[in-house]
Amino acid sequence: MPRSQGTPQQEALCAVLRATRLDRKLTQVELAERLERPQSFVSKYECGERRLDLVELSEVCDALEVALRDLIADYESRL
């Protein structure tokens, strides 16, 4: 299976995650504090340098106060 980094699908996911954070008027620092992670964690997954597994994606959704299914629907609408 080819790597997903740099694909249109990965770019769409990064865009959804960033847009969702911005819609909630959160900085990367504020989101990172909610996640109890460094700001670089948020930066790296938003720019596609780091991939999130399902558990991490669910934690990000919880911190953003968005349902995972809604985030996925937004992602799918961008494809």
PDB file of N, CA and C in Angstrom:
ATOM      1  N   MET A   1       0.849  -1.170   0.000  1.00  0.00           N
ATOM      2  CA  MET A   1       0.000   0.000   0.000  1.00  0.00           C
ATOM      3  C   MET A   1       0.896   1.236   0.000  1.00  0.00           C
ATOM      4  N   PRO A   2       0.659   2.173  -0.915  1.00  0.00           N
ATOM      5  CA  PRO A   2       1.486   3.372  -0.960  1.00  0.00           C
ATOM      6  C   PRO A   2       1.225   4.279   0.237  1.00  0.00           C
ATOM      7  N   ARG A   3       2.195   5.102   0.544  1.00  0.00           N
ATOM      8  CA  ARG A   3       2.081   6.046   1.659  1.00  0.00           C
ATOM      9  C   ARG A   3       1.048   7.117   1.321  1.00  0.00           C
ATOM     10  N   SER A   4       0.356   7.612   2.340  1.00  0.00           N
ATOM     11  CA  SER A   4      -0.670   8.630   2.109  1.00  0.00           C
ATOM     12  C   SER A   4      -0.134  10.047   2.218  1.00  0.00           C
ATOM     13  N   GLN A   5       1.068  10.214   2.756  1.00  0.00           N
ATOM     14  CA  GLN A   5       1.603  11.560   2.915  1.00  0.00           C
ATOM     15  C   GLN A   5       1.783  12.219   1.560  1.00  0.00           C
ATOM     16  N   GLY A   6       1.311  13.465   1.463  1.00  0.00           N
ATOM     17  CA  GLY A   6       1.429  14.220   0.232  1.00  0.00           C
ATOM     18  C   GLY A   6       0.327  13.964  -0.777  1.00  0.00           C
ATOM     19  N   THR A   7      -0.603  13.083  -0.457  1.00  0.00           N
ATOM     20  CA  THR A   7      -1.705  12.794  -1.374  1.00  0.00           C
ATOM     21  C   THR A   7      -2.815  13.825  -1.193  1.00  0.00           C
ATOM     22  N   PRO A   8      -3.686  13.953  -2.179  1.00  0.00           N
ATOM     23  CA  PRO A   8      -4.830  14.863  -2.021  1.00  0.00           C
ATOM     24  C   PRO A   8      -5.700  14.498  -0.813  1.00  0.00           C
ATOM     25  N   GLN A   9      -5.803  13.208  -0.525  1.00  0.00           N
ATOM     26  CA  GLN A   9      -6.598  12.781   0.626  1.00  0.00           C
ATOM     27  C   GLN A   9      -5.986  13.272   1.939  1.00  0.00           C
ATOM     28  N   GLN A  10      -4.668  13.138   2.065  1.00  0.00           N
ATOM     29  CA  GLN A  10      -3.994  13.606   3.284  1.00  0.00           C
ATOM     30  C   GLN A  10      -4.091  15.123   3.391  1.00  0.00           C
ATOM     31  N   GLU A  11      -3.944  15.812   2.278  1.00  0.00           N
ATOM     32  CA  GLU A  11      -4.055  17.270   2.288  1.00  0.00           C
ATOM     33  C   GLU A  11      -5.462  17.702   2.688  1.00  0.00           C
ATOM     34  N   ALA A  12      -6.480  16.967   2.244  1.00  0.00           N
ATOM     35  CA  ALA A  12      -7.861  17.284   2.622  1.00  0.00           C
ATOM     36  C   ALA A  12      -8.064  17.099   4.123  1.00  0.00           C
ATOM     37  N   LEU A  13      -7.517  16.026   4.686  1.00  0.00           N
ATOM     38  CA  LEU A  13      -7.647  15.800   6.120  1.00  0.00           C
ATOM     39  C   LEU A  13      -6.952  16.913   6.902  1.00  0.00           C
ATOM     40  N   CYS A  14      -5.771  17.286   6.488  1.00  0.00           N
ATOM     41  CA  CYS A  14      -5.045  18.377   7.154  1.00  0.00           C
ATOM     42  C   CYS A  14      -5.859  19.668   7.103  1.00  0.00           C
ATOM     43  N   ALA A  15      -6.439  19.944   5.954  1.00  0.00           N
ATOM     44  CA  ALA A  15      -7.238  21.159   5.787  1.00  0.00           C
ATOM     45  C   ALA A  15      -8.464  21.144   6.694  1.00  0.00           C
ATOM     46  N   VAL A  16      -9.117  20.000   6.805  1.00  0.00           N
ATOM     47  CA  VAL A  16     -10.297  19.879   7.669  1.00  0.00           C
ATOM     48  C   VAL A  16      -9.903  20.097   9.126  1.00  0.00           C
ATOM     49  N   LEU A  17      -8.816  19.489   9.549  1.00  0.00           N
ATOM     50  CA  LEU A  17      -8.385  19.631  10.937  1.00  0.00           C
ATOM     51  C   LEU A  17      -8.038  21.088  11.246  1.00  0.00           C
ATOM     52  N   ARG A  18      -7.337  21.735  10.345  1.00  0.00           N
ATOM     53  CA  ARG A  18      -6.968  23.135  10.568  1.00  0.00           C
ATOM     54  C   ARG A  18      -8.207  24.029  10.556  1.00  0.00           C
ATOM     55  N   ALA A  19      -9.082  23.849   9.581  1.00  0.00           N
ATOM     56  CA  ALA A  19     -10.286  24.669   9.474  1.00  0.00           C
ATOM     57  C   ALA A  19     -11.181  24.493  10.703  1.00  0.00           C
ATOM     58  N   THR A  20     -11.285  23.280  11.185  1.00  0.00           N
ATOM     59  CA  THR A  20     -12.112  23.020  12.367  1.00  0.00           C
ATOM     60  C   THR A  20     -11.540  23.750  13.580  1.00  0.00           C
ATOM     61  N   ARG A  21     -10.227  23.701  13.724  1.00  0.00           N
ATOM     62  CA  ARG A  21      -9.590  24.413  14.838  1.00  0.00           C
ATOM     63  C   ARG A  21      -9.846  25.915  14.722  1.00  0.00           C
ATOM     64  N   LEU A  22      -9.662  26.453  13.530  1.00  0.00           N
ATOM     65  CA  LEU A  22      -9.863  27.885  13.332  1.00  0.00           C
ATOM     66  C   LEU A  22     -11.325  28.289  13.519  1.00  0.00           C
ATOM     67  N   ASP A  23     -12.266  27.440  13.095  1.00  0.00           N
ATOM     68  CA  ASP A  23     -13.696  27.714  13.288  1.00  0.00           C
ATOM     69  C   ASP A  23     -14.033  27.836  14.771  1.00  0.00           C
ATOM     70  N   ARG A  24     -13.286  27.112  15.588  1.00  0.00           N
ATOM     71  CA  ARG A  24     -13.507  27.157  17.037  1.00  0.00           C
ATOM     72  C   ARG A  24     -12.654  28.224  17.714  1.00  0.00           C
ATOM     73  N   LYS A  25     -11.979  29.023  16.870  1.00  0.00           N
ATOM     74  CA  LYS A  25     -11.164  30.141  17.336  1.00  0.00           C
ATOM     75  C   LYS A  25     -10.113  29.718  18.358  1.00  0.00           C
ATOM     76  N   LEU A  26      -9.464  28.601  18.047  1.00  0.00           N
ATOM     77  CA  LEU A  26      -8.391  28.090  18.895  1.00  0.00           C
ATOM     78  C   LEU A  26      -7.055  28.253  18.181  1.00  0.00           C
ATOM     79  N   THR A  27      -6.041  28.607  18.924  1.00  0.00           N
ATOM     80  CA  THR A  27      -4.687  28.596  18.385  1.00  0.00           C
ATOM     81  C   THR A  27      -4.142  27.182  18.506  1.00  0.00           C
ATOM     82  N   GLN A  28      -3.043  26.926  17.836  1.00  0.00           N
ATOM     83  CA  GLN A  28      -2.396  25.621  17.982  1.00  0.00           C
ATOM     84  C   GLN A  28      -1.986  25.404  19.433  1.00  0.00           C
ATOM     85  N   VAL A  29      -1.532  26.437  20.085  1.00  0.00           N
ATOM     86  CA  VAL A  29      -1.108  26.329  21.489  1.00  0.00           C
ATOM     87  C   VAL A  29      -2.291  25.941  22.375  1.00  0.00           C
ATOM     88  N   GLU A  30      -3.430  26.591  22.171  1.00  0.00           N
ATOM     89  CA  GLU A  30      -4.609  26.290  22.992  1.00  0.00           C
ATOM     90  C   GLU A  30      -5.085  24.856  22.775  1.00  0.00           C
ATOM     91  N   LEU A  31      -5.097  24.425  21.521  1.00  0.00           N
ATOM     92  CA  LEU A  31      -5.502  23.050  21.245  1.00  0.00           C
ATOM     93  C   LEU A  31      -4.509  22.064  21.849  1.00  0.00           C
ATOM     94  N   ALA A  32      -3.232  22.356  21.702  1.00  0.00           N
ATOM     95  CA  ALA A  32      -2.202  21.485  22.272  1.00  0.00           C
ATOM     96  C   ALA A  32      -2.363  21.364  23.787  1.00  0.00           C
ATOM     97  N   GLU A  33      -2.716  22.457  24.446  1.00  0.00           N
ATOM     98  CA  GLU A  33      -2.941  22.406  25.896  1.00  0.00           C
ATOM     99  C   GLU A  33      -4.106  21.487  26.225  1.00  0.00           C
ATOM    100  N   ARG A  34      -5.180  21.560  25.447  1.00  0.00           N
ATOM    101  CA  ARG A  34      -6.328  20.665  25.663  1.00  0.00           C
ATOM    102  C   ARG A  34      -5.925  19.202  25.475  1.00  0.00           C
ATOM    103  N   LEU A  35      -5.021  18.965  24.543  1.00  0.00           N
ATOM    104  CA  LEU A  35      -4.567  17.605  24.246  1.00  0.00           C
ATOM    105  C   LEU A  35      -3.444  17.140  25.175  1.00  0.00           C
ATOM    106  N   GLU A  36      -2.922  18.075  25.965  1.00  0.00           N
ATOM    107  CA  GLU A  36      -1.766  17.799  26.828  1.00  0.00           C
ATOM    108  C   GLU A  36      -0.581  17.302  25.997  1.00  0.00           C
ATOM    109  N   ARG A  37      -0.357  18.020  24.907  1.00  0.00           N
ATOM    110  CA  ARG A  37       0.737  17.728  23.976  1.00  0.00           C
ATOM    111  C   ARG A  37       1.448  19.039  23.667  1.00  0.00           C
ATOM    112  N   PRO A  38       2.644  18.975  23.101  1.00  0.00           N
ATOM    113  CA  PRO A  38       3.309  20.212  22.686  1.00  0.00           C
ATOM    114  C   PRO A  38       2.626  20.810  21.441  1.00  0.00           C
ATOM    115  N   GLN A  39       2.809  22.093  21.261  1.00  0.00           N
ATOM    116  CA  GLN A  39       2.237  22.772  20.095  1.00  0.00           C
ATOM    117  C   GLN A  39       2.731  22.149  18.805  1.00  0.00           C
ATOM    118  N   SER A  40       3.947  21.646  18.800  1.00  0.00           N
ATOM    119  CA  SER A  40       4.509  21.045  17.589  1.00  0.00           C
ATOM    120  C   SER A  40       3.707  19.823  17.133  1.00  0.00           C
ATOM    121  N   PHE A  41       3.051  19.128  18.062  1.00  0.00           N
ATOM    122  CA  PHE A  41       2.199  17.986  17.705  1.00  0.00           C
ATOM    123  C   PHE A  41       1.094  18.448  16.760  1.00  0.00           C
ATOM    124  N   VAL A  42       0.426  19.540  17.134  1.00  0.00           N
ATOM    125  CA  VAL A  42      -0.660  20.081  16.302  1.00  0.00           C
ATOM    126  C   VAL A  42      -0.110  20.576  14.972  1.00  0.00           C
ATOM    127  N   SER A  43       0.977  21.304  15.022  1.00  0.00           N
ATOM    128  CA  SER A  43       1.587  21.831  13.805  1.00  0.00           C
ATOM    129  C   SER A  43       1.946  20.718  12.831  1.00  0.00           C
ATOM    130  N   LYS A  44       2.539  19.662  13.347  1.00  0.00           N
ATOM    131  CA  LYS A  44       2.997  18.583  12.468  1.00  0.00           C
ATOM    132  C   LYS A  44       1.848  17.846  11.796  1.00  0.00           C
ATOM    133  N   TYR A  45       0.742  17.598  12.517  1.00  0.00           N
ATOM    134  CA  TYR A  45      -0.344  16.894  11.823  1.00  0.00           C
ATOM    135  C   TYR A  45      -1.113  17.836  10.910  1.00  0.00           C
ATOM    136  N   GLU A  46      -1.156  19.127  11.232  1.00  0.00           N
ATOM    137  CA  GLU A  46      -1.859  20.067  10.354  1.00  0.00           C
ATOM    138  C   GLU A  46      -1.124  20.296   9.034  1.00  0.00           C
ATOM    139  N   CYS A  47       0.199  20.195   9.064  1.00  0.00           N
ATOM    140  CA  CYS A  47       0.946  20.417   7.819  1.00  0.00           C
ATOM    141  C   CYS A  47       1.255  19.104   7.101  1.00  0.00           C
ATOM    142  N   GLY A  48       0.802  17.979   7.654  1.00  0.00           N
ATOM    143  CA  GLY A  48       0.975  16.697   6.984  1.00  0.00           C
ATOM    144  C   GLY A  48       2.290  16.010   7.276  1.00  0.00           C
ATOM    145  N   GLU A  49       3.064  16.578   8.172  1.00  0.00           N
ATOM    146  CA  GLU A  49       4.348  15.969   8.520  1.00  0.00           C
ATOM    147  C   GLU A  49       4.169  14.740   9.402  1.00  0.00           C
ATOM    148  N   ARG A  50       3.049  14.705  10.123  1.00  0.00           N
ATOM    149  CA  ARG A  50       2.757  13.599  11.028  1.00  0.00           C
ATOM    150  C   ARG A  50       1.355  13.096  10.748  1.00  0.00           C
ATOM    151  N   ARG A  51       1.189  11.777  10.788  1.00  0.00           N
ATOM    152  CA  ARG A  51      -0.136  11.173  10.606  1.00  0.00           C
ATOM    153  C   ARG A  51      -0.735  10.860  11.961  1.00  0.00           C
ATOM    154  N   LEU A  52      -2.061  10.916  12.038  1.00  0.00           N
ATOM    155  CA  LEU A  52      -2.773  10.569  13.258  1.00  0.00           C
ATOM    156  C   LEU A  52      -3.382   9.186  13.103  1.00  0.00           C
ATOM    157  N   ASP A  53      -3.303   8.375  14.151  1.00  0.00           N
ATOM    158  CA  ASP A  53      -4.048   7.119  14.113  1.00  0.00           C
ATOM    159  C   ASP A  53      -5.480   7.410  14.577  1.00  0.00           C
ATOM    160  N   LEU A  54      -6.337   6.423  14.545  1.00  0.00           N
ATOM    161  CA  LEU A  54      -7.751   6.625  14.854  1.00  0.00           C
ATOM    162  C   LEU A  54      -7.952   7.102  16.285  1.00  0.00           C
ATOM    163  N   VAL A  55      -7.203   6.564  17.216  1.00  0.00           N
ATOM    164  CA  VAL A  55      -7.338   6.972  18.615  1.00  0.00           C
ATOM    165  C   VAL A  55      -6.939   8.442  18.764  1.00  0.00           C
ATOM    166  N   GLU A  56      -5.836   8.832  18.145  1.00  0.00           N
ATOM    167  CA  GLU A  56      -5.402  10.224  18.218  1.00  0.00           C
ATOM    168  C   GLU A  56      -6.410  11.153  17.535  1.00  0.00           C
ATOM    169  N   LEU A  57      -6.933  10.741  16.393  1.00  0.00           N
ATOM    170  CA  LEU A  57      -7.922  11.551  15.691  1.00  0.00           C
ATOM    171  C   LEU A  57      -9.160  11.749  16.565  1.00  0.00           C
ATOM    172  N   SER A  58      -9.579  10.714  17.242  1.00  0.00           N
ATOM    173  CA  SER A  58     -10.719  10.808  18.149  1.00  0.00           C
ATOM    174  C   SER A  58     -10.424  11.777  19.294  1.00  0.00           C
ATOM    175  N   GLU A  59      -9.216  11.741  19.828  1.00  0.00           N
ATOM    176  CA  GLU A  59      -8.823  12.662  20.901  1.00  0.00           C
ATOM    177  C   GLU A  59      -8.811  14.105  20.407  1.00  0.00           C
ATOM    178  N   VAL A  60      -8.334  14.314  19.192  1.00  0.00           N
ATOM    179  CA  VAL A  60      -8.336  15.661  18.617  1.00  0.00           C
ATOM    180  C   VAL A  60      -9.776  16.143  18.458  1.00  0.00           C
ATOM    181  N   CYS A  61     -10.650  15.279  17.971  1.00  0.00           N
ATOM    182  CA  CYS A  61     -12.060  15.651  17.816  1.00  0.00           C
ATOM    183  C   CYS A  61     -12.670  16.019  19.167  1.00  0.00           C
ATOM    184  N   ASP A  62     -12.376  15.245  20.193  1.00  0.00           N
ATOM    185  CA  ASP A  62     -12.884  15.562  21.533  1.00  0.00           C
ATOM    186  C   ASP A  62     -12.395  16.938  21.979  1.00  0.00           C
ATOM    187  N   ALA A  63     -11.119  17.215  21.764  1.00  0.00           N
ATOM    188  CA  ALA A  63     -10.547  18.498  22.167  1.00  0.00           C
ATOM    189  C   ALA A  63     -11.154  19.654  21.369  1.00  0.00           C
ATOM    190  N   LEU A  64     -11.520  19.390  20.121  1.00  0.00           N
ATOM    191  CA  LEU A  64     -12.146  20.399  19.271  1.00  0.00           C
ATOM    192  C   LEU A  64     -13.654  20.480  19.492  1.00  0.00           C
ATOM    193  N   GLU A  65     -14.180  19.563  20.287  1.00  0.00           N
ATOM    194  CA  GLU A  65     -15.620  19.480  20.559  1.00  0.00           C
ATOM    195  C   GLU A  65     -16.415  19.300  19.266  1.00  0.00           C
ATOM    196  N   VAL A  66     -15.949  18.343  18.465  1.00  0.00           N
ATOM    197  CA  VAL A  66     -16.629  17.988  17.225  1.00  0.00           C
ATOM    198  C   VAL A  66     -16.731  16.464  17.185  1.00  0.00           C
ATOM    199  N   ALA A  67     -17.844  15.970  16.702  1.00  0.00           N
ATOM    200  CA  ALA A  67     -18.014  14.530  16.579  1.00  0.00           C
ATOM    201  C   ALA A  67     -17.107  13.996  15.475  1.00  0.00           C
ATOM    202  N   LEU A  68     -16.506  12.860  15.719  1.00  0.00           N
ATOM    203  CA  LEU A  68     -15.633  12.237  14.728  1.00  0.00           C
ATOM    204  C   LEU A  68     -16.377  12.050  13.412  1.00  0.00           C
ATOM    205  N   ARG A  69     -17.617  11.620  13.464  1.00  0.00           N
ATOM    206  CA  ARG A  69     -18.390  11.390  12.236  1.00  0.00           C
ATOM    207  C   ARG A  69     -18.601  12.690  11.456  1.00  0.00           C
ATOM    208  N   ASP A  70     -18.736  13.824  12.170  1.00  0.00           N
ATOM    209  CA  ASP A  70     -18.899  15.108  11.483  1.00  0.00           C
ATOM    210  C   ASP A  70     -17.594  15.536  10.808  1.00  0.00           C
ATOM    211  N   LEU A  71     -16.489  15.301  11.476  1.00  0.00           N
ATOM    212  CA  LEU A  71     -15.198  15.619  10.884  1.00  0.00           C
ATOM    213  C   LEU A  71     -14.965  14.769   9.637  1.00  0.00           C
ATOM    214  N   ILE A  72     -15.323  13.496   9.716  1.00  0.00           N
ATOM    215  CA  ILE A  72     -15.164  12.599   8.569  1.00  0.00           C
ATOM    216  C   ILE A  72     -16.076  13.038   7.419  1.00  0.00           C
ATOM    217  N   ALA A  73     -17.296  13.455   7.735  1.00  0.00           N
ATOM    218  CA  ALA A  73     -18.211  13.925   6.689  1.00  0.00           C
ATOM    219  C   ALA A  73     -17.643  15.167   5.993  1.00  0.00           C
ATOM    220  N   ASP A  74     -17.045  16.073   6.780  1.00  0.00           N
ATOM    221  CA  ASP A  74     -16.413  17.252   6.201  1.00  0.00           C
ATOM    222  C   ASP A  74     -15.256  16.843   5.309  1.00  0.00           C
ATOM    223  N   TYR A  75     -14.434  15.899   5.776  1.00  0.00           N
ATOM    224  CA  TYR A  75     -13.319  15.384   4.984  1.00  0.00           C
ATOM    225  C   TYR A  75     -13.823  14.797   3.664  1.00  0.00           C
ATOM    226  N   GLU A  76     -14.838  13.948   3.725  1.00  0.00           N
ATOM    227  CA  GLU A  76     -15.343  13.301   2.524  1.00  0.00           C
ATOM    228  C   GLU A  76     -15.927  14.309   1.535  1.00  0.00           C
ATOM    229  N   SER A  77     -16.503  15.388   2.045  1.00  0.00           N
ATOM    230  CA  SER A  77     -17.076  16.399   1.148  1.00  0.00           C
ATOM    231  C   SER A  77     -15.991  17.156   0.390  1.00  0.00           C
ATOM    232  N   ARG A  78     -14.755  17.135   0.902  1.00  0.00           N
ATOM    233  CA  ARG A  78     -13.642  17.833   0.253  1.00  0.00           C
ATOM    234  C   ARG A  78     -12.921  16.975  -0.793  1.00  0.00           C
ATOM    235  N   LEU A  79     -13.228  15.686  -0.795  1.00  0.00           N
ATOM    236  CA  LEU A  79     -12.536  14.804  -1.739  1.00  0.00           C
ATOM    237  C   LEU A  79     -13.120  14.918  -3.148  1.00  0.00           C
TER     238      LEU A  79
END
